[in-house]
N, C-alpha and C. Protein backbone atom coordinates (compact mmCIF):
# COMPACT_ATOMS: atom_id res chain seq x y z
N UNK A 1 37.31 -11.98 109.96
CA UNK A 1 35.93 -12.36 109.73
C UNK A 1 35.03 -11.34 110.44
N UNK A 2 33.94 -10.94 109.79
CA UNK A 2 33.08 -9.93 110.39
C UNK A 2 31.95 -10.55 111.21
N UNK A 3 31.25 -9.69 111.94
CA UNK A 3 30.18 -10.10 112.86
C UNK A 3 29.10 -10.93 112.15
N UNK A 4 28.65 -10.49 111.00
CA UNK A 4 27.58 -11.18 110.27
C UNK A 4 27.99 -12.60 109.89
N UNK A 5 29.22 -12.77 109.44
CA UNK A 5 29.70 -14.11 109.07
C UNK A 5 29.79 -15.01 110.29
N UNK A 6 30.21 -14.46 111.42
CA UNK A 6 30.31 -15.25 112.64
C UNK A 6 28.91 -15.67 113.10
N UNK A 7 27.96 -14.76 113.06
CA UNK A 7 26.59 -15.11 113.45
C UNK A 7 26.05 -16.20 112.53
N UNK A 8 26.32 -16.10 111.25
CA UNK A 8 25.88 -17.15 110.32
C UNK A 8 26.53 -18.49 110.65
N UNK A 9 27.79 -18.48 111.04
CA UNK A 9 28.46 -19.72 111.45
C UNK A 9 27.80 -20.32 112.69
N UNK A 10 27.40 -19.46 113.61
CA UNK A 10 26.80 -19.93 114.86
C UNK A 10 25.41 -20.52 114.65
N UNK A 11 24.82 -20.30 113.50
CA UNK A 11 23.53 -20.93 113.18
C UNK A 11 23.70 -22.44 113.01
N UNK A 12 24.94 -22.90 112.92
CA UNK A 12 25.23 -24.34 112.86
C UNK A 12 25.31 -24.98 114.24
N UNK A 13 25.30 -24.16 115.29
CA UNK A 13 25.39 -24.68 116.65
C UNK A 13 23.97 -24.97 117.13
N UNK A 14 23.70 -26.25 117.32
CA UNK A 14 22.36 -26.68 117.71
C UNK A 14 22.16 -26.64 119.22
N UNK A 15 20.92 -26.47 119.60
CA UNK A 15 20.55 -26.63 121.01
C UNK A 15 20.65 -28.12 121.29
N UNK A 16 21.44 -28.54 122.28
CA UNK A 16 21.60 -29.98 122.54
C UNK A 16 20.32 -30.65 123.03
N UNK A 17 19.37 -29.88 123.53
CA UNK A 17 18.12 -30.46 124.03
C UNK A 17 17.02 -30.49 122.98
N UNK A 18 17.11 -29.59 122.01
CA UNK A 18 16.14 -29.53 120.90
C UNK A 18 16.95 -29.33 119.63
N UNK A 19 17.49 -30.40 119.06
CA UNK A 19 18.47 -30.28 117.96
C UNK A 19 17.94 -29.70 116.65
N UNK A 20 16.66 -29.43 116.54
CA UNK A 20 16.16 -28.77 115.33
C UNK A 20 16.28 -27.25 115.44
N UNK A 21 16.69 -26.77 116.61
CA UNK A 21 16.87 -25.33 116.82
C UNK A 21 18.35 -25.00 116.96
N UNK A 22 18.70 -23.81 116.50
CA UNK A 22 20.07 -23.35 116.67
C UNK A 22 20.09 -22.21 117.67
N UNK A 23 21.26 -21.92 118.20
CA UNK A 23 21.39 -20.95 119.28
C UNK A 23 21.14 -19.51 118.84
N UNK A 24 21.24 -19.26 117.54
CA UNK A 24 20.94 -17.91 117.04
C UNK A 24 19.43 -17.72 116.93
N UNK A 25 18.75 -18.67 116.30
CA UNK A 25 17.30 -18.53 116.13
C UNK A 25 16.56 -18.57 117.47
N UNK A 26 17.16 -19.20 118.46
CA UNK A 26 16.55 -19.23 119.80
C UNK A 26 16.74 -17.92 120.55
N UNK A 27 17.69 -17.12 120.11
CA UNK A 27 17.96 -15.87 120.81
C UNK A 27 18.97 -16.03 121.94
N UNK A 28 19.60 -17.20 122.03
CA UNK A 28 20.63 -17.42 123.05
C UNK A 28 21.86 -16.56 122.73
N UNK A 29 22.24 -16.50 121.45
CA UNK A 29 23.34 -15.62 121.04
C UNK A 29 22.77 -14.22 120.92
N UNK A 30 23.27 -13.34 121.76
CA UNK A 30 22.76 -11.97 121.81
C UNK A 30 23.58 -11.00 120.98
N UNK A 31 24.90 -11.24 120.95
CA UNK A 31 25.76 -10.29 120.25
C UNK A 31 27.10 -10.95 119.97
N UNK A 32 27.79 -10.41 118.98
CA UNK A 32 29.15 -10.82 118.67
C UNK A 32 29.95 -9.54 118.48
N UNK A 33 31.08 -9.46 119.17
CA UNK A 33 31.99 -8.32 119.02
C UNK A 33 33.37 -8.85 118.70
N UNK A 34 34.04 -8.12 117.85
CA UNK A 34 35.42 -8.45 117.52
C UNK A 34 36.27 -7.30 118.03
N UNK A 35 37.09 -7.60 119.03
CA UNK A 35 37.96 -6.60 119.64
C UNK A 35 39.39 -7.08 119.54
N UNK A 36 40.19 -6.33 118.79
CA UNK A 36 41.57 -6.69 118.53
C UNK A 36 41.62 -8.10 117.98
N UNK A 37 42.26 -9.02 118.67
CA UNK A 37 42.42 -10.38 118.12
C UNK A 37 41.47 -11.38 118.77
N UNK A 38 40.44 -10.91 119.47
CA UNK A 38 39.53 -11.86 120.11
C UNK A 38 38.09 -11.60 119.68
N UNK A 39 37.33 -12.68 119.72
CA UNK A 39 35.91 -12.63 119.37
C UNK A 39 35.13 -12.88 120.66
N UNK A 40 34.24 -11.96 120.98
CA UNK A 40 33.42 -12.06 122.18
C UNK A 40 31.99 -12.37 121.76
N UNK A 41 31.49 -13.52 122.22
CA UNK A 41 30.13 -13.93 121.92
C UNK A 41 29.32 -13.77 123.21
N UNK A 42 28.32 -12.91 123.16
CA UNK A 42 27.46 -12.68 124.31
C UNK A 42 26.24 -13.58 124.20
N UNK A 43 25.98 -14.32 125.29
CA UNK A 43 24.86 -15.25 125.30
C UNK A 43 23.99 -15.01 126.53
N UNK A 44 22.73 -15.43 126.42
CA UNK A 44 21.81 -15.40 127.55
C UNK A 44 21.20 -16.79 127.67
N UNK A 45 21.29 -17.40 128.86
CA UNK A 45 20.68 -18.72 129.04
C UNK A 45 19.16 -18.63 128.92
N UNK A 46 18.55 -19.72 128.49
CA UNK A 46 17.10 -19.75 128.41
C UNK A 46 16.48 -19.66 129.79
N UNK A 47 17.15 -20.18 130.79
CA UNK A 47 16.77 -19.94 132.18
C UNK A 47 18.00 -20.21 133.04
N UNK A 48 18.04 -19.59 134.20
CA UNK A 48 19.17 -19.75 135.10
C UNK A 48 19.29 -21.21 135.50
N UNK A 49 20.46 -21.74 135.36
CA UNK A 49 20.70 -23.14 135.72
C UNK A 49 20.45 -24.12 134.60
N UNK A 50 20.21 -23.63 133.39
CA UNK A 50 19.97 -24.53 132.26
C UNK A 50 21.20 -25.42 132.07
N UNK A 51 21.02 -26.74 132.15
CA UNK A 51 22.17 -27.65 132.04
C UNK A 51 22.80 -27.68 130.66
N UNK A 52 22.11 -27.19 129.65
CA UNK A 52 22.65 -27.22 128.29
C UNK A 52 23.66 -26.10 128.04
N UNK A 53 23.71 -25.10 128.91
CA UNK A 53 24.55 -23.93 128.63
C UNK A 53 26.04 -24.27 128.54
N UNK A 54 26.54 -25.17 129.37
CA UNK A 54 27.95 -25.53 129.27
C UNK A 54 28.26 -26.16 127.91
N UNK A 55 27.36 -27.00 127.44
CA UNK A 55 27.54 -27.63 126.13
C UNK A 55 27.44 -26.58 125.03
N UNK A 56 26.49 -25.67 125.14
CA UNK A 56 26.34 -24.61 124.14
C UNK A 56 27.60 -23.75 124.07
N UNK A 57 28.12 -23.36 125.22
CA UNK A 57 29.34 -22.55 125.24
C UNK A 57 30.49 -23.29 124.56
N UNK A 58 30.68 -24.56 124.90
CA UNK A 58 31.74 -25.36 124.30
C UNK A 58 31.54 -25.49 122.79
N UNK A 59 30.31 -25.72 122.36
CA UNK A 59 30.02 -25.87 120.93
C UNK A 59 30.27 -24.57 120.16
N UNK A 60 29.97 -23.42 120.79
CA UNK A 60 30.25 -22.13 120.15
C UNK A 60 31.75 -21.96 119.96
N UNK A 61 32.51 -22.21 121.03
CA UNK A 61 33.97 -22.08 120.96
C UNK A 61 34.53 -23.05 119.92
N UNK A 62 34.09 -24.30 119.95
CA UNK A 62 34.57 -25.31 118.99
C UNK A 62 34.26 -24.90 117.56
N UNK A 63 33.07 -24.38 117.32
CA UNK A 63 32.68 -23.98 115.96
C UNK A 63 33.59 -22.87 115.45
N UNK A 64 33.83 -21.88 116.28
CA UNK A 64 34.67 -20.76 115.85
C UNK A 64 36.13 -21.17 115.69
N UNK A 65 36.60 -22.03 116.56
CA UNK A 65 37.98 -22.52 116.42
C UNK A 65 38.14 -23.37 115.17
N UNK A 66 37.07 -24.06 114.76
CA UNK A 66 37.14 -24.91 113.57
C UNK A 66 37.34 -24.11 112.29
N UNK A 67 37.06 -22.81 112.35
CA UNK A 67 37.28 -21.95 111.17
C UNK A 67 38.45 -20.99 111.38
N UNK A 68 39.28 -21.29 112.42
CA UNK A 68 40.50 -20.53 112.61
C UNK A 68 40.39 -19.36 113.58
N UNK A 69 39.29 -19.19 114.25
CA UNK A 69 39.16 -18.12 115.24
C UNK A 69 39.60 -18.72 116.58
N UNK A 70 40.80 -18.39 117.00
CA UNK A 70 41.40 -19.03 118.17
C UNK A 70 41.06 -18.37 119.49
N UNK A 71 40.94 -17.06 119.51
CA UNK A 71 40.67 -16.35 120.77
C UNK A 71 39.18 -16.04 120.85
N UNK A 72 38.46 -16.90 121.57
CA UNK A 72 37.01 -16.77 121.72
C UNK A 72 36.70 -16.59 123.20
N UNK A 73 35.91 -15.60 123.49
CA UNK A 73 35.46 -15.36 124.86
C UNK A 73 33.93 -15.44 124.86
N UNK A 74 33.39 -16.17 125.81
CA UNK A 74 31.94 -16.25 125.99
C UNK A 74 31.57 -15.34 127.16
N UNK A 75 30.66 -14.43 126.89
CA UNK A 75 30.19 -13.50 127.93
C UNK A 75 28.72 -13.82 128.17
N UNK A 76 28.39 -14.20 129.40
CA UNK A 76 27.01 -14.53 129.74
C UNK A 76 26.35 -13.34 130.42
N UNK A 77 25.19 -12.95 129.89
CA UNK A 77 24.42 -11.86 130.49
C UNK A 77 23.03 -12.38 130.84
N UNK A 78 22.48 -11.87 131.93
CA UNK A 78 21.18 -12.33 132.40
C UNK A 78 20.09 -11.27 132.27
N UNK A 79 20.48 -10.08 131.83
CA UNK A 79 19.52 -9.00 131.71
C UNK A 79 19.67 -8.34 130.34
N UNK A 80 18.60 -8.19 129.60
CA UNK A 80 17.27 -8.68 129.97
C UNK A 80 17.24 -10.20 129.92
N UNK A 81 16.36 -10.76 130.73
CA UNK A 81 16.23 -12.21 130.80
C UNK A 81 15.69 -12.75 129.48
N UNK A 82 16.17 -13.93 129.11
CA UNK A 82 15.69 -14.59 127.90
C UNK A 82 14.19 -14.86 128.04
N UNK A 83 13.49 -14.76 126.94
CA UNK A 83 12.06 -15.03 126.93
C UNK A 83 11.69 -15.81 125.68
N UNK A 84 10.68 -16.62 125.79
CA UNK A 84 10.20 -17.37 124.63
C UNK A 84 9.61 -16.43 123.58
N UNK A 85 9.36 -15.18 123.95
CA UNK A 85 8.89 -14.20 122.96
C UNK A 85 9.95 -13.95 121.88
N UNK A 86 11.19 -14.29 122.16
CA UNK A 86 12.25 -14.10 121.18
C UNK A 86 12.24 -15.16 120.08
N UNK A 87 11.44 -16.21 120.24
CA UNK A 87 11.37 -17.25 119.21
C UNK A 87 10.52 -16.75 118.05
N UNK A 88 11.06 -16.82 116.86
CA UNK A 88 10.31 -16.40 115.67
C UNK A 88 9.22 -17.43 115.34
N UNK A 89 8.30 -17.04 114.48
CA UNK A 89 7.26 -17.98 114.04
C UNK A 89 7.91 -19.16 113.30
N UNK A 90 8.96 -18.90 112.55
CA UNK A 90 9.68 -19.98 111.85
C UNK A 90 10.27 -20.97 112.86
N UNK A 91 10.83 -20.46 113.94
CA UNK A 91 11.39 -21.31 114.98
C UNK A 91 10.29 -22.12 115.66
N UNK A 92 9.16 -21.48 115.93
CA UNK A 92 8.03 -22.19 116.54
C UNK A 92 7.51 -23.29 115.62
N UNK A 93 7.53 -23.04 114.30
CA UNK A 93 7.10 -24.06 113.36
C UNK A 93 8.06 -25.25 113.37
N UNK A 94 9.36 -24.97 113.52
CA UNK A 94 10.33 -26.06 113.63
C UNK A 94 10.04 -26.93 114.85
N UNK A 95 9.64 -26.30 115.95
CA UNK A 95 9.27 -27.06 117.14
C UNK A 95 8.07 -27.96 116.84
N UNK A 96 7.03 -27.39 116.21
CA UNK A 96 5.83 -28.19 115.87
C UNK A 96 6.21 -29.38 114.99
N UNK A 97 7.01 -29.10 113.97
CA UNK A 97 7.41 -30.16 113.03
C UNK A 97 8.19 -31.26 113.75
N UNK A 98 8.86 -30.91 114.82
CA UNK A 98 9.65 -31.85 115.61
C UNK A 98 8.79 -32.59 116.64
N UNK A 99 7.55 -32.13 116.79
CA UNK A 99 6.62 -32.77 117.72
C UNK A 99 6.55 -32.12 119.09
N UNK A 100 7.01 -30.88 119.20
CA UNK A 100 6.95 -30.13 120.45
C UNK A 100 6.02 -28.95 120.25
N UNK A 101 5.04 -28.79 121.13
CA UNK A 101 4.14 -27.65 121.05
C UNK A 101 4.92 -26.39 121.45
N UNK A 102 4.90 -25.36 120.61
CA UNK A 102 5.65 -24.14 120.93
C UNK A 102 4.94 -23.31 122.00
N UNK A 103 5.66 -22.41 122.63
CA UNK A 103 5.05 -21.55 123.64
C UNK A 103 4.21 -20.46 122.99
N UNK A 104 3.28 -19.92 123.77
CA UNK A 104 2.54 -18.73 123.34
C UNK A 104 3.35 -17.50 123.67
N UNK A 105 2.72 -16.36 123.60
CA UNK A 105 3.37 -15.09 123.96
C UNK A 105 3.17 -14.84 125.45
N UNK A 106 4.15 -14.24 126.08
CA UNK A 106 4.04 -13.98 127.52
C UNK A 106 3.03 -12.89 127.83
N UNK A 107 2.63 -12.09 126.84
CA UNK A 107 1.65 -11.04 127.11
C UNK A 107 0.22 -11.48 126.82
N UNK A 108 0.01 -12.72 126.41
CA UNK A 108 -1.34 -13.21 126.18
C UNK A 108 -2.03 -13.44 127.51
N UNK A 109 -3.34 -13.22 127.54
CA UNK A 109 -4.09 -13.34 128.78
C UNK A 109 -4.01 -14.75 129.36
N UNK A 110 -3.89 -15.77 128.51
CA UNK A 110 -3.86 -17.13 129.04
C UNK A 110 -2.51 -17.50 129.65
N UNK A 111 -1.52 -16.60 129.54
CA UNK A 111 -0.23 -16.86 130.17
C UNK A 111 -0.39 -17.02 131.68
N UNK A 112 -1.33 -16.29 132.25
CA UNK A 112 -1.52 -16.34 133.69
C UNK A 112 -2.50 -17.43 134.13
N UNK A 113 -3.07 -18.14 133.18
CA UNK A 113 -3.97 -19.24 133.52
C UNK A 113 -3.22 -20.31 134.30
N UNK A 114 -3.96 -21.06 135.05
CA UNK A 114 -3.36 -22.17 135.77
C UNK A 114 -2.67 -23.11 134.79
N UNK A 115 -1.50 -23.56 135.17
CA UNK A 115 -0.72 -24.46 134.32
C UNK A 115 -1.54 -25.70 133.94
N UNK A 116 -2.33 -26.19 134.88
CA UNK A 116 -3.06 -27.43 134.66
C UNK A 116 -4.38 -27.24 133.92
N UNK A 117 -4.86 -25.99 133.78
CA UNK A 117 -6.11 -25.77 133.05
C UNK A 117 -5.88 -25.18 131.67
N UNK A 118 -4.70 -24.68 131.42
CA UNK A 118 -4.39 -24.08 130.12
C UNK A 118 -4.37 -25.18 129.05
N UNK A 119 -5.04 -24.93 127.95
CA UNK A 119 -5.06 -25.88 126.84
C UNK A 119 -3.88 -25.60 125.91
N UNK A 120 -3.17 -26.64 125.57
CA UNK A 120 -2.03 -26.54 124.67
C UNK A 120 -2.38 -27.28 123.40
N UNK A 121 -2.15 -26.64 122.27
CA UNK A 121 -2.48 -27.25 120.98
C UNK A 121 -1.50 -28.37 120.65
N UNK A 122 -2.05 -29.51 120.23
CA UNK A 122 -1.25 -30.66 119.86
C UNK A 122 -0.44 -30.34 118.60
N UNK A 123 0.88 -30.58 118.62
CA UNK A 123 1.69 -30.30 117.43
C UNK A 123 1.45 -31.29 116.29
N UNK A 124 0.80 -32.41 116.58
CA UNK A 124 0.57 -33.44 115.57
C UNK A 124 -0.73 -33.23 114.80
N UNK A 125 -1.82 -32.91 115.54
CA UNK A 125 -3.12 -32.79 114.86
C UNK A 125 -3.75 -31.41 115.00
N UNK A 126 -3.20 -30.55 115.85
CA UNK A 126 -3.72 -29.20 116.02
C UNK A 126 -4.88 -29.08 117.00
N UNK A 127 -5.30 -30.16 117.60
CA UNK A 127 -6.42 -30.13 118.55
C UNK A 127 -5.99 -29.48 119.87
N UNK A 128 -6.95 -28.80 120.51
CA UNK A 128 -6.66 -28.30 121.85
C UNK A 128 -7.34 -29.17 122.91
N UNK A 129 -7.79 -30.35 122.49
CA UNK A 129 -8.36 -31.33 123.41
C UNK A 129 -7.21 -32.12 124.02
N UNK A 130 -6.42 -31.41 124.81
CA UNK A 130 -5.20 -31.98 125.39
C UNK A 130 -5.22 -31.80 126.90
N UNK A 131 -4.37 -32.57 127.57
CA UNK A 131 -4.24 -32.41 129.02
C UNK A 131 -2.78 -32.58 129.40
N UNK A 132 -2.42 -31.90 130.48
CA UNK A 132 -1.06 -32.02 130.99
C UNK A 132 -0.94 -33.33 131.76
N UNK A 133 0.15 -34.02 131.55
CA UNK A 133 0.39 -35.26 132.29
C UNK A 133 1.52 -35.11 133.29
N UNK A 134 2.41 -34.14 133.04
CA UNK A 134 3.50 -33.85 133.98
C UNK A 134 3.98 -32.43 133.75
N UNK A 135 4.23 -31.74 134.84
CA UNK A 135 4.71 -30.37 134.74
C UNK A 135 6.10 -30.29 134.10
N UNK A 136 6.84 -31.39 134.17
CA UNK A 136 8.18 -31.42 133.60
C UNK A 136 8.30 -32.54 132.58
N UNK A 137 8.91 -32.20 131.44
CA UNK A 137 9.17 -33.19 130.41
C UNK A 137 10.60 -33.66 130.50
N UNK A 138 11.21 -33.87 129.34
CA UNK A 138 12.59 -34.35 129.31
C UNK A 138 13.56 -33.32 129.88
N UNK A 139 13.13 -32.05 129.89
CA UNK A 139 13.92 -30.98 130.49
C UNK A 139 12.96 -30.09 131.27
N UNK A 140 13.50 -29.27 132.15
CA UNK A 140 12.66 -28.41 132.99
C UNK A 140 11.90 -27.35 132.18
N UNK A 141 12.37 -27.04 130.99
CA UNK A 141 11.71 -26.01 130.19
C UNK A 141 10.55 -26.57 129.36
N UNK A 142 10.27 -27.85 129.50
CA UNK A 142 9.16 -28.46 128.76
C UNK A 142 8.27 -29.24 129.72
N UNK A 143 7.01 -29.35 129.36
CA UNK A 143 6.05 -30.14 130.13
C UNK A 143 5.51 -31.24 129.22
N UNK A 144 4.94 -32.27 129.84
CA UNK A 144 4.38 -33.40 129.08
C UNK A 144 2.86 -33.27 128.99
N UNK A 145 2.34 -33.59 127.80
CA UNK A 145 0.90 -33.49 127.54
C UNK A 145 0.44 -34.72 126.77
N UNK A 146 -0.88 -34.88 126.70
CA UNK A 146 -1.48 -35.96 125.94
C UNK A 146 -2.64 -35.39 125.15
N UNK A 147 -2.73 -35.77 123.88
CA UNK A 147 -3.80 -35.33 123.01
C UNK A 147 -4.90 -36.40 123.00
N UNK A 148 -6.10 -36.00 123.37
CA UNK A 148 -7.23 -36.94 123.40
C UNK A 148 -7.79 -37.20 122.00
N UNK A 149 -7.45 -36.37 121.03
CA UNK A 149 -7.93 -36.56 119.66
C UNK A 149 -7.10 -37.59 118.90
N UNK A 150 -5.80 -37.42 118.89
CA UNK A 150 -4.95 -38.32 118.11
C UNK A 150 -4.18 -39.33 118.98
N UNK A 151 -4.41 -39.26 120.27
CA UNK A 151 -3.79 -40.17 121.24
C UNK A 151 -2.26 -40.12 121.26
N UNK A 152 -1.72 -38.95 120.95
CA UNK A 152 -0.26 -38.78 120.95
C UNK A 152 0.19 -38.07 122.23
N UNK A 153 1.21 -38.57 122.88
CA UNK A 153 1.86 -37.79 123.93
C UNK A 153 2.78 -36.77 123.25
N UNK A 154 2.97 -35.64 123.88
CA UNK A 154 3.89 -34.63 123.32
C UNK A 154 4.39 -33.72 124.40
N UNK A 155 5.47 -33.02 124.09
CA UNK A 155 6.01 -32.04 125.00
C UNK A 155 5.57 -30.64 124.58
N UNK A 156 5.54 -29.76 125.55
CA UNK A 156 5.22 -28.34 125.31
C UNK A 156 6.37 -27.51 125.84
N UNK A 157 6.91 -26.65 125.00
CA UNK A 157 7.97 -25.75 125.41
C UNK A 157 7.30 -24.65 126.23
N UNK A 158 7.61 -24.58 127.52
CA UNK A 158 6.93 -23.65 128.41
C UNK A 158 7.16 -22.20 128.02
N UNK A 159 6.16 -21.40 128.28
CA UNK A 159 6.22 -19.97 128.05
C UNK A 159 7.02 -19.35 129.19
N UNK A 160 8.13 -18.72 128.85
CA UNK A 160 9.00 -18.13 129.87
C UNK A 160 9.12 -16.64 129.59
């Protein structure tokens, strides 16, 4: 099986914390190499200490073994560090559709704004009349917000 087919297979491996996203579209899967009889999948965690990484690694191995690839090695690299800039617009739209406000770009001037004063657009109604209610949501990579327009609570995927 070639690299492209393996990467396409890995698009079936979901992020356990945000199941509408897959590990390829998130940029967690960085590379696939086939050397002799083993397949090496290089990954980068979304942040150091991400609790989902053990599950992601297991799911990658399980997916490849399910199609007969028995010798799978997971190689974790931390440089360059994963960034939310690697999320495509399509991936960000999937987050919105799921009810999570996507991150902005790390090079935008508002990236350096105070966490508590930065306005985050509501994924439900599009209003920026929102406020942060907690720096941490269901996971450390998300924060909790409230929309004053549609009265919906929502999470925001932090800009990393």
